[in-house]
């Protein structure tokens, strides 16, 4: 039985503590990096989500020894890697379902000189080019040949060699892939216009503990001196900043009192400030974020009085993954805001569902929406809707939890790809969410 819908009874105020899961976007890079060494790598705080499970299955298919030690801790040892698995139907099917599979190329090329890239899957949020990965790896000496019959790229190299690389866009996964390839390449690699997200920083710190020589971590200019081999290590993942932002938005929208535990606030960058601009009160208590129940929250305007604009940008700018949460949050705010989603097209196409629920939103074009806050003059109404991608799915869930009556959200495997047991965890705070 495929339980692929949530039935949500909205209008309840939630209360209590919630701990964010480990970061999905970090997990996919860190898991790929276990292929760089035959020694044991232990990873803790791994989220129990579909994308992580699929990538672990791909590693097992490649012959990596996987031992689960606790609910969120796994030990990996890539002693004998079976490269023939790359050419199987099983590998192609699984790799097609998860975009993160593209990050296996860098480590496999670095250690074995060959890899395979099926056309990867993932969110439906417009074009997400892989050129950055391919161009960066080509600069290091990789050759890509497209196999039309089987619809995959065959990637080979006699030897990766360090080089100066100017990345053509700031891509987190593209940077991670090139970094993982470069650590075992011959000579020195310089990567300029590198992504500098906390996730990339985490990967660089982990690789350095394994014996890599990476400098410039946290900046957009990385210098990597290639080494012959890497050893094992232990690594603990950061909490998921997107979940943290989702919980802040949820608390405000449902007038709930929530404490987000162990949020590693110093790693959140500009995120708390952006929620403050939306009028959300937060109290940072050590590493916890306390959000009091708020009857109303008022969107700030800019100093010259012009309407607040919230837009996404590469780190340390505001992450695109929280734009849909901001949009939903603005629905019940006092004031108006322009949401400008620059980095992905078609990520705003879920607003028609919110309009059906009673939100006042003008969709200007595929990238911009103006939200005129209702300031709780009336409650949203529950409807039936479908989740187009992970982040929009959670934004719709927040809208449904704040709405009057019953909502049904279909296609929730999209939510499960990024959020572990979100229904159980929110129900523990007083939400009413059922899988149907």
Protein backbone atom coordinates (compact mmCIF):
# COMPACT_ATOMS: atom_id res chain seq x y z
CA UNK A 1 0.00 0.00 0.00
CA UNK A 2 1.52 3.30 -1.10
CA UNK A 3 0.69 5.93 1.52
CA UNK A 4 1.51 8.90 -0.66
CA UNK A 5 -0.74 11.59 0.84
CA UNK A 6 -1.03 13.51 4.09
CA UNK A 7 -4.42 14.32 5.56
CA UNK A 8 -3.94 17.43 7.70
CA UNK A 9 -6.43 18.89 10.18
CA UNK A 10 -5.32 22.50 10.56
CA UNK A 11 -5.83 25.23 13.11
CA UNK A 12 -4.02 23.65 16.07
CA UNK A 13 -1.34 25.50 18.02
CA UNK A 14 1.77 23.40 18.53
CA UNK A 15 4.03 23.39 21.55
CA UNK A 16 7.27 21.75 22.63
CA UNK A 17 10.83 20.94 21.61
CA UNK A 18 11.95 19.63 18.24
CA UNK A 19 15.45 18.58 17.14
CA UNK A 20 16.42 19.11 13.49
CA UNK A 21 17.69 16.11 11.54
CA UNK A 22 21.17 15.96 10.00
CA UNK A 23 21.63 18.06 6.87
CA UNK A 24 20.41 16.31 3.70
CA UNK A 25 22.63 18.40 1.40
CA UNK A 26 25.70 17.64 3.47
CA UNK A 27 24.93 13.93 3.73
CA UNK A 28 25.07 13.28 -0.02
CA UNK A 29 28.59 14.75 -0.32
CA UNK A 30 29.96 13.13 2.84
CA UNK A 31 28.61 9.70 1.83
CA UNK A 32 30.22 9.96 -1.62
CA UNK A 33 33.58 10.82 0.00
CA UNK A 34 33.80 7.40 1.73
CA UNK A 35 34.89 6.02 -1.69
CA UNK A 36 38.17 7.97 -1.46
CA UNK A 37 39.76 5.61 1.10
CA UNK A 38 39.88 1.86 1.81
CA UNK A 39 39.83 2.66 5.54
CA UNK A 40 36.80 2.96 7.80
CA UNK A 41 34.81 6.22 7.81
CA UNK A 42 32.16 6.63 10.53
CA UNK A 43 29.39 9.20 9.95
CA UNK A 44 26.90 10.26 12.62
CA UNK A 45 23.73 12.40 12.59
CA UNK A 46 22.71 10.97 9.18
CA UNK A 47 19.04 11.74 8.43
CA UNK A 48 16.76 8.74 7.81
CA UNK A 49 15.44 10.00 4.48
CA UNK A 50 14.90 8.44 1.07
CA UNK A 51 17.79 10.21 -0.73
CA UNK A 52 20.28 9.07 1.94
CA UNK A 53 18.95 5.51 1.89
CA UNK A 54 19.25 5.35 -1.91
CA UNK A 55 22.84 6.62 -1.87
CA UNK A 56 23.79 4.08 0.81
CA UNK A 57 22.24 1.34 -1.38
CA UNK A 58 24.36 2.56 -4.33
CA UNK A 59 27.49 2.35 -2.13
CA UNK A 60 26.54 -1.19 -1.06
CA UNK A 61 26.04 -2.13 -4.71
CA UNK A 62 29.58 -0.89 -5.37
CA UNK A 63 30.83 -3.29 -2.68
CA UNK A 64 31.34 -0.80 0.17
CA UNK A 65 30.98 -2.50 3.57
CA UNK A 66 28.20 -0.69 5.46
CA UNK A 67 27.50 -1.22 9.15
CA UNK A 68 24.70 0.61 10.93
CA UNK A 69 25.85 1.31 14.50
CA UNK A 70 22.92 3.35 15.87
CA UNK A 71 19.81 4.90 14.34
CA UNK A 72 21.82 7.77 12.84
CA UNK A 73 25.41 6.42 12.75
CA UNK A 74 26.96 4.27 10.04
CA UNK A 75 30.48 2.94 9.42
CA UNK A 76 31.69 2.56 5.82
CA UNK A 77 34.75 0.79 4.40
CA UNK A 78 35.39 0.95 0.64
CA UNK A 79 38.13 -1.72 0.55
CA UNK A 80 37.13 -3.56 -2.61
CA UNK A 81 35.01 -1.51 -5.00
CA UNK A 82 33.17 -3.40 -7.74
CA UNK A 83 33.22 -1.06 -10.75
CA UNK A 84 31.21 -3.53 -12.88
CA UNK A 85 28.16 -2.54 -10.80
CA UNK A 86 28.25 0.88 -12.54
CA UNK A 87 27.15 -0.78 -15.79
CA UNK A 88 24.17 -2.65 -14.30
CA UNK A 89 20.49 -1.86 -14.69
CA UNK A 90 20.19 -1.70 -10.87
CA UNK A 91 22.79 1.10 -10.65
CA UNK A 92 21.15 3.04 -13.48
CA UNK A 93 17.67 2.79 -11.96
CA UNK A 94 18.76 3.91 -8.49
CA UNK A 95 21.15 6.63 -9.70
CA UNK A 96 18.38 8.00 -11.92
CA UNK A 97 16.18 8.56 -8.87
CA UNK A 98 18.62 10.74 -6.96
CA UNK A 99 20.53 13.82 -8.10
CA UNK A 100 23.18 13.20 -5.44
CA UNK A 101 24.46 10.23 -7.44
CA UNK A 102 26.40 12.70 -9.61
CA UNK A 103 28.80 13.19 -6.67
CA UNK A 104 30.05 9.61 -6.93
CA UNK A 105 31.98 10.59 -10.08
CA UNK A 106 34.67 12.73 -8.42
CA UNK A 107 35.71 10.09 -5.83
CA UNK A 108 35.54 7.19 -8.34
CA UNK A 109 37.64 9.07 -10.90
CA UNK A 110 40.16 10.07 -8.25
CA UNK A 111 40.65 6.55 -6.94
CA UNK A 112 39.92 4.30 -9.95
CA UNK A 113 40.08 6.50 -13.04
CA UNK A 114 36.57 5.65 -14.21
CA UNK A 115 32.92 6.33 -13.42
CA UNK A 116 29.46 6.30 -15.00
CA UNK A 117 26.84 9.05 -14.87
CA UNK A 118 23.23 8.17 -15.74
CA UNK A 119 20.90 11.10 -16.32
CA UNK A 120 20.11 11.93 -12.65
CA UNK A 121 16.65 12.57 -11.17
CA UNK A 122 15.44 14.73 -8.28
CA UNK A 123 13.21 17.79 -7.97
CA UNK A 124 11.10 19.27 -10.72
CA UNK A 125 12.21 22.87 -10.27
CA UNK A 126 13.35 23.78 -13.75
CA UNK A 127 16.67 23.09 -15.42
CA UNK A 128 19.50 22.17 -13.11
CA UNK A 129 22.56 21.92 -15.28
CA UNK A 130 25.33 19.42 -14.67
CA UNK A 131 27.76 21.37 -16.87
CA UNK A 132 29.58 22.78 -13.83
CA UNK A 133 30.45 19.26 -12.62
CA UNK A 134 31.46 18.05 -16.05
CA UNK A 135 33.54 21.11 -16.98
CA UNK A 136 35.36 21.12 -13.62
CA UNK A 137 36.22 17.41 -13.88
CA UNK A 138 37.25 17.81 -17.54
CA UNK A 139 39.72 20.51 -16.49
CA UNK A 140 41.34 17.93 -14.18
CA UNK A 141 41.67 15.46 -17.05
CA UNK A 142 38.39 13.50 -17.18
CA UNK A 143 36.89 12.45 -20.54
CA UNK A 144 33.09 12.18 -20.94
CA UNK A 145 31.55 10.02 -23.64
CA UNK A 146 27.78 9.90 -24.00
CA UNK A 147 26.25 6.46 -24.65
CA UNK A 148 22.99 7.15 -26.50
CA UNK A 149 21.56 3.63 -26.36
CA UNK A 150 21.89 3.36 -22.58
CA UNK A 151 21.47 7.09 -21.86
CA UNK A 152 24.54 7.57 -19.65
CA UNK A 153 27.98 9.20 -19.66
CA UNK A 154 31.07 7.04 -19.48
CA UNK A 155 33.78 8.98 -17.63
CA UNK A 156 37.48 8.00 -17.70
CA UNK A 157 40.91 9.42 -16.99
CA UNK A 158 44.47 7.99 -17.15
CA UNK A 159 45.46 10.39 -14.33
CA UNK A 160 43.80 13.48 -12.83
CA UNK A 161 46.13 16.50 -12.74
CA UNK A 162 45.77 19.67 -10.68
CA UNK A 163 44.89 22.88 -12.48
CA UNK A 164 43.50 26.40 -12.00
CA UNK A 165 39.71 26.13 -12.41
CA UNK A 166 37.31 29.05 -12.57
CA UNK A 167 33.90 27.49 -11.85
CA UNK A 168 31.28 28.73 -14.33
CA UNK A 169 28.63 28.96 -11.59
CA UNK A 170 28.61 28.74 -7.80
CA UNK A 171 27.42 25.15 -7.42
CA UNK A 172 27.57 23.35 -4.07
CA UNK A 173 27.54 19.84 -5.54
CA UNK A 174 29.77 20.93 -8.44
CA UNK A 175 32.36 22.30 -6.00
CA UNK A 176 32.14 19.17 -3.83
CA UNK A 177 32.65 16.90 -6.84
CA UNK A 178 35.73 18.78 -8.07
CA UNK A 179 37.20 18.97 -4.53
CA UNK A 180 36.80 15.18 -4.07
CA UNK A 181 38.49 14.56 -7.42
CA UNK A 182 41.30 17.04 -6.73
CA UNK A 183 42.40 15.68 -3.33
CA UNK A 184 44.00 12.63 -5.02
CA UNK A 185 45.01 14.39 -8.26
CA UNK A 186 48.64 15.01 -9.13
CA UNK A 187 49.88 18.52 -8.27
CA UNK A 188 47.97 21.60 -7.14
CA UNK A 189 44.36 22.48 -7.96
CA UNK A 190 43.03 26.00 -7.47
CA UNK A 191 39.25 26.42 -7.53
CA UNK A 192 37.95 29.99 -7.87
CA UNK A 193 34.24 30.90 -7.59
CA UNK A 194 33.86 27.84 -5.37
CA UNK A 195 30.68 27.44 -3.31
CA UNK A 196 31.41 28.14 0.36
CA UNK A 197 28.24 26.77 2.06
CA UNK A 198 28.72 25.19 5.50
CA UNK A 199 28.19 21.82 3.74
CA UNK A 200 31.24 22.34 1.51
CA UNK A 201 33.20 23.52 4.56
CA UNK A 202 32.21 20.34 6.40
CA UNK A 203 33.40 18.22 3.47
CA UNK A 204 36.75 20.05 3.32
CA UNK A 205 37.28 19.68 7.09
CA UNK A 206 36.49 15.96 6.88
CA UNK A 207 38.87 15.44 3.92
CA UNK A 208 41.65 17.32 5.76
CA UNK A 209 41.19 15.01 8.75
CA UNK A 210 41.61 12.11 6.29
CA UNK A 211 44.97 13.56 5.16
CA UNK A 212 43.97 15.88 2.31
CA UNK A 213 45.66 19.28 1.96
CA UNK A 214 42.90 21.83 1.34
CA UNK A 215 43.28 25.49 2.26
CA UNK A 216 40.83 28.38 1.92
CA UNK A 217 37.90 26.50 3.50
CA UNK A 218 34.95 28.88 3.96
CA UNK A 219 36.05 31.18 1.10
CA UNK A 220 35.35 31.06 -2.64
CA UNK A 221 39.01 30.29 -3.42
CA UNK A 222 40.22 26.79 -2.55
CA UNK A 223 43.76 25.52 -3.00
CA UNK A 224 44.19 21.73 -2.96
CA UNK A 225 47.55 20.00 -2.93
CA UNK A 226 47.05 16.45 -4.18
CA UNK A 227 48.10 13.56 -1.94
CA UNK A 228 48.69 9.86 -2.75
CA UNK A 229 46.22 8.29 -0.28
CA UNK A 230 43.63 9.20 2.33
CA UNK A 231 42.88 7.46 5.63
CA UNK A 232 39.70 6.87 7.62
CA UNK A 233 37.99 9.34 9.98
CA UNK A 234 34.88 10.08 12.05
CA UNK A 235 32.49 12.82 11.04
CA UNK A 236 29.39 14.34 12.63
CA UNK A 237 26.99 16.16 10.32
CA UNK A 238 25.51 19.60 10.92
CA UNK A 239 21.78 19.96 11.68
CA UNK A 240 19.71 20.73 8.58
CA UNK A 241 19.40 24.51 8.25
CA UNK A 242 16.42 24.11 5.92
CA UNK A 243 14.54 22.15 8.57
CA UNK A 244 15.45 24.78 11.14
CA UNK A 245 14.07 27.52 8.88
CA UNK A 246 10.96 25.43 8.18
CA UNK A 247 10.30 25.04 11.92
CA UNK A 248 10.70 28.81 12.51
CA UNK A 249 8.17 29.47 9.74
CA UNK A 250 5.82 26.80 11.07
CA UNK A 251 5.91 28.25 14.61
CA UNK A 252 5.05 31.76 13.42
CA UNK A 253 2.38 30.69 10.97
CA UNK A 254 0.53 28.48 13.49
CA UNK A 255 1.04 30.88 16.47
CA UNK A 256 2.95 28.12 18.25
CA UNK A 257 5.58 28.14 20.98
CA UNK A 258 8.44 25.94 19.79
CA UNK A 259 12.04 25.41 20.87
CA UNK A 260 14.41 24.15 18.16
CA UNK A 261 17.11 22.18 19.97
CA UNK A 262 20.81 21.95 18.99
CA UNK A 263 20.45 24.28 16.02
CA UNK A 264 24.20 25.13 15.73
CA UNK A 265 23.15 28.77 15.40
CA UNK A 266 26.67 29.95 14.45
CA UNK A 267 26.39 27.92 11.21
CA UNK A 268 23.06 29.46 10.12
CA UNK A 269 24.55 32.59 8.55
CA UNK A 270 21.97 35.15 7.47
CA UNK A 271 18.94 32.87 8.05
CA UNK A 272 17.88 34.14 11.53
CA UNK A 273 18.20 37.77 10.35
CA UNK A 274 15.87 37.10 7.38
CA UNK A 275 13.17 35.72 9.69
CA UNK A 276 13.59 38.79 11.91
CA UNK A 277 12.95 40.95 8.82
CA UNK A 278 9.62 39.11 8.50
CA UNK A 279 8.83 40.20 12.06
CA UNK A 280 9.44 36.86 13.78
CA UNK A 281 10.58 37.06 17.40
CA UNK A 282 13.29 34.57 18.33
CA UNK A 283 15.35 34.07 21.42
CA UNK A 284 18.73 32.38 20.94
CA UNK A 285 19.41 30.32 24.09
CA UNK A 286 22.86 28.80 23.75
CA UNK A 287 22.45 26.50 20.77
CA UNK A 288 18.64 26.44 20.94
CA UNK A 289 16.21 28.79 19.19
CA UNK A 290 13.08 29.61 21.21
CA UNK A 291 10.12 30.99 19.24
CA UNK A 292 7.30 32.38 21.41
CA UNK A 293 3.66 32.16 20.30
CA UNK A 294 3.02 35.37 18.36
CA UNK A 295 -0.42 36.80 17.65
CA UNK A 296 0.96 38.92 14.84
CA UNK A 297 4.23 39.62 13.08
CA UNK A 298 4.96 42.64 10.92
CA UNK A 299 7.21 42.61 7.86
CA UNK A 300 9.87 45.31 8.14
CA UNK A 301 10.34 47.74 5.27
CA UNK A 302 13.69 48.99 4.01
CA UNK A 303 15.16 52.16 5.54
CA UNK A 304 13.80 54.32 2.72
CA UNK A 305 10.31 52.90 3.30
CA UNK A 306 10.24 50.76 0.15
CA UNK A 307 8.63 47.31 0.17
CA UNK A 308 10.73 44.46 1.59
CA UNK A 309 12.25 42.21 -1.07
CA UNK A 310 13.50 38.75 -0.17
CA UNK A 311 15.71 37.08 -2.75
CA UNK A 312 17.98 34.05 -2.82
CA UNK A 313 21.71 34.08 -3.53
CA UNK A 314 24.65 31.70 -3.16
CA UNK A 315 26.05 31.44 0.38
CA UNK A 316 26.54 33.58 2.43
CA UNK A 317 23.37 34.94 0.79
CA UNK A 318 19.93 33.55 1.61
CA UNK A 319 19.44 29.92 0.59
CA UNK A 320 16.94 29.24 -2.26
CA UNK A 321 15.65 26.23 -0.29
CA UNK A 322 13.92 28.52 2.22
CA UNK A 323 12.21 30.81 -0.30
CA UNK A 324 8.99 28.77 -0.35
CA UNK A 325 8.89 28.89 3.48
CA UNK A 326 9.27 32.70 3.38
CA UNK A 327 6.47 32.96 0.87
CA UNK A 328 4.05 30.96 3.02
CA UNK A 329 5.11 32.83 6.14
CA UNK A 330 4.26 36.16 4.47
CA UNK A 331 0.63 35.09 3.92
CA UNK A 332 -0.42 35.84 7.52
CA UNK A 333 2.06 38.66 8.15
CA UNK A 334 1.20 42.33 8.54
CA UNK A 335 2.52 44.13 5.47
CA UNK A 336 3.66 43.08 2.01
CA UNK A 337 6.77 41.48 0.55
CA UNK A 338 8.21 40.72 -2.88
CA UNK A 339 9.61 37.18 -3.07
CA UNK A 340 12.21 37.00 -5.84
CA UNK A 341 13.36 33.43 -6.54
CA UNK A 342 16.40 34.06 -8.75
CA UNK A 343 18.27 30.78 -8.77
CA UNK A 344 15.63 28.28 -9.95
CA UNK A 345 12.73 28.71 -12.31
CA UNK A 346 9.29 27.18 -11.69
CA UNK A 347 9.83 26.95 -7.93
CA UNK A 348 6.96 29.39 -7.39
CA UNK A 349 4.38 27.40 -9.32
CA UNK A 350 2.83 26.06 -6.12
CA UNK A 351 1.35 29.50 -5.27
CA UNK A 352 -1.89 28.72 -7.12
CA UNK A 353 -2.67 26.22 -4.32
CA UNK A 354 -2.06 28.92 -1.71
CA UNK A 355 -4.35 31.32 -3.62
CA UNK A 356 -7.05 28.61 -3.59
CA UNK A 357 -6.62 28.48 0.21
CA UNK A 358 -7.30 32.23 0.45
CA UNK A 359 -3.83 33.77 0.29
CA UNK A 360 -3.39 37.14 -1.42
CA UNK A 361 -0.51 36.54 -3.81
CA UNK A 362 0.23 38.06 -7.19
CA UNK A 363 2.46 35.80 -9.30
CA UNK A 364 4.38 38.36 -11.38
CA UNK A 365 6.37 35.84 -13.46
CA UNK A 366 8.07 32.43 -12.92
CA UNK A 367 10.60 34.08 -10.58
CA UNK A 368 8.65 36.70 -8.61
CA UNK A 369 5.57 36.79 -6.39
CA UNK A 370 4.16 39.61 -4.31
CA UNK A 371 2.45 38.54 -1.08
CA UNK A 372 -0.02 40.89 0.58
CA UNK A 373 -0.17 39.79 4.21
CA UNK A 374 -3.61 38.96 5.66
CA UNK A 375 -2.49 39.77 9.25
CA UNK A 376 -4.86 36.98 10.39
CA UNK A 377 -7.99 38.88 9.27
CA UNK A 378 -9.12 35.45 8.14
CA UNK A 379 -7.71 31.95 8.25
CA UNK A 380 -6.67 29.96 5.19
CA UNK A 381 -9.09 27.16 4.25
CA UNK A 382 -8.09 23.52 3.79
CA UNK A 383 -8.02 22.12 0.24
CA UNK A 384 -6.62 19.16 -1.71
CA UNK A 385 -3.23 19.81 -3.36
CA UNK A 386 -0.08 18.16 -4.73
CA UNK A 387 3.55 18.67 -3.71
CA UNK A 388 5.78 19.52 -6.72
CA UNK A 389 9.15 19.42 -4.90
CA UNK A 390 10.63 18.84 -1.43
CA UNK A 391 10.63 22.46 -0.24
CA UNK A 392 7.26 23.46 -1.70
CA UNK A 393 5.83 20.29 -0.13
CA UNK A 394 6.79 21.45 3.37
CA UNK A 395 5.60 24.99 2.63
CA UNK A 396 2.19 23.53 1.67
CA UNK A 397 2.24 21.43 4.84
CA UNK A 398 2.82 24.58 6.93
CA UNK A 399 -0.05 26.32 5.11
CA UNK A 400 -2.32 23.32 5.76
CA UNK A 401 -1.40 23.22 9.47
CA UNK A 402 -2.37 26.89 9.79
CA UNK A 403 -5.59 26.50 7.77
CA UNK A 404 -9.15 25.92 8.93
CA UNK A 405 -10.44 22.39 8.38
CA UNK A 406 -9.06 19.45 6.41
CA UNK A 407 -6.37 19.51 3.71
CA UNK A 408 -4.95 16.66 1.65
CA UNK A 409 -1.41 16.89 0.23
CA UNK A 410 -0.65 14.33 -2.48
CA UNK A 411 2.75 13.21 -3.81
CA UNK A 412 4.35 13.37 -0.34
CA UNK A 413 7.22 11.04 -1.30
CA UNK A 414 8.70 14.38 -2.42
CA UNK A 415 8.57 15.54 1.24
CA UNK A 416 9.95 12.20 2.50
CA UNK A 417 12.97 12.64 0.24
CA UNK A 418 14.13 15.53 2.41
CA UNK A 419 12.42 15.35 5.81
CA UNK A 420 12.56 12.30 8.08
CA UNK A 421 9.24 11.22 9.69
CA UNK A 422 8.02 14.82 9.56
CA UNK A 423 4.44 13.73 10.35
CA UNK A 424 5.40 11.85 13.55
CA UNK A 425 7.70 14.61 14.76
CA UNK A 426 5.11 17.37 14.26
CA UNK A 427 2.29 15.24 15.69
CA UNK A 428 4.39 14.96 18.89
CA UNK A 429 4.04 18.78 19.16
CA UNK A 430 0.26 18.66 18.72
CA UNK A 431 -0.19 18.67 14.93
CA UNK A 432 -2.79 16.38 13.32
CA UNK A 433 -1.21 14.76 10.25
CA UNK A 434 -2.17 11.30 8.96
CA UNK A 435 -0.75 9.27 6.07
CA UNK A 436 -3.60 8.18 3.80
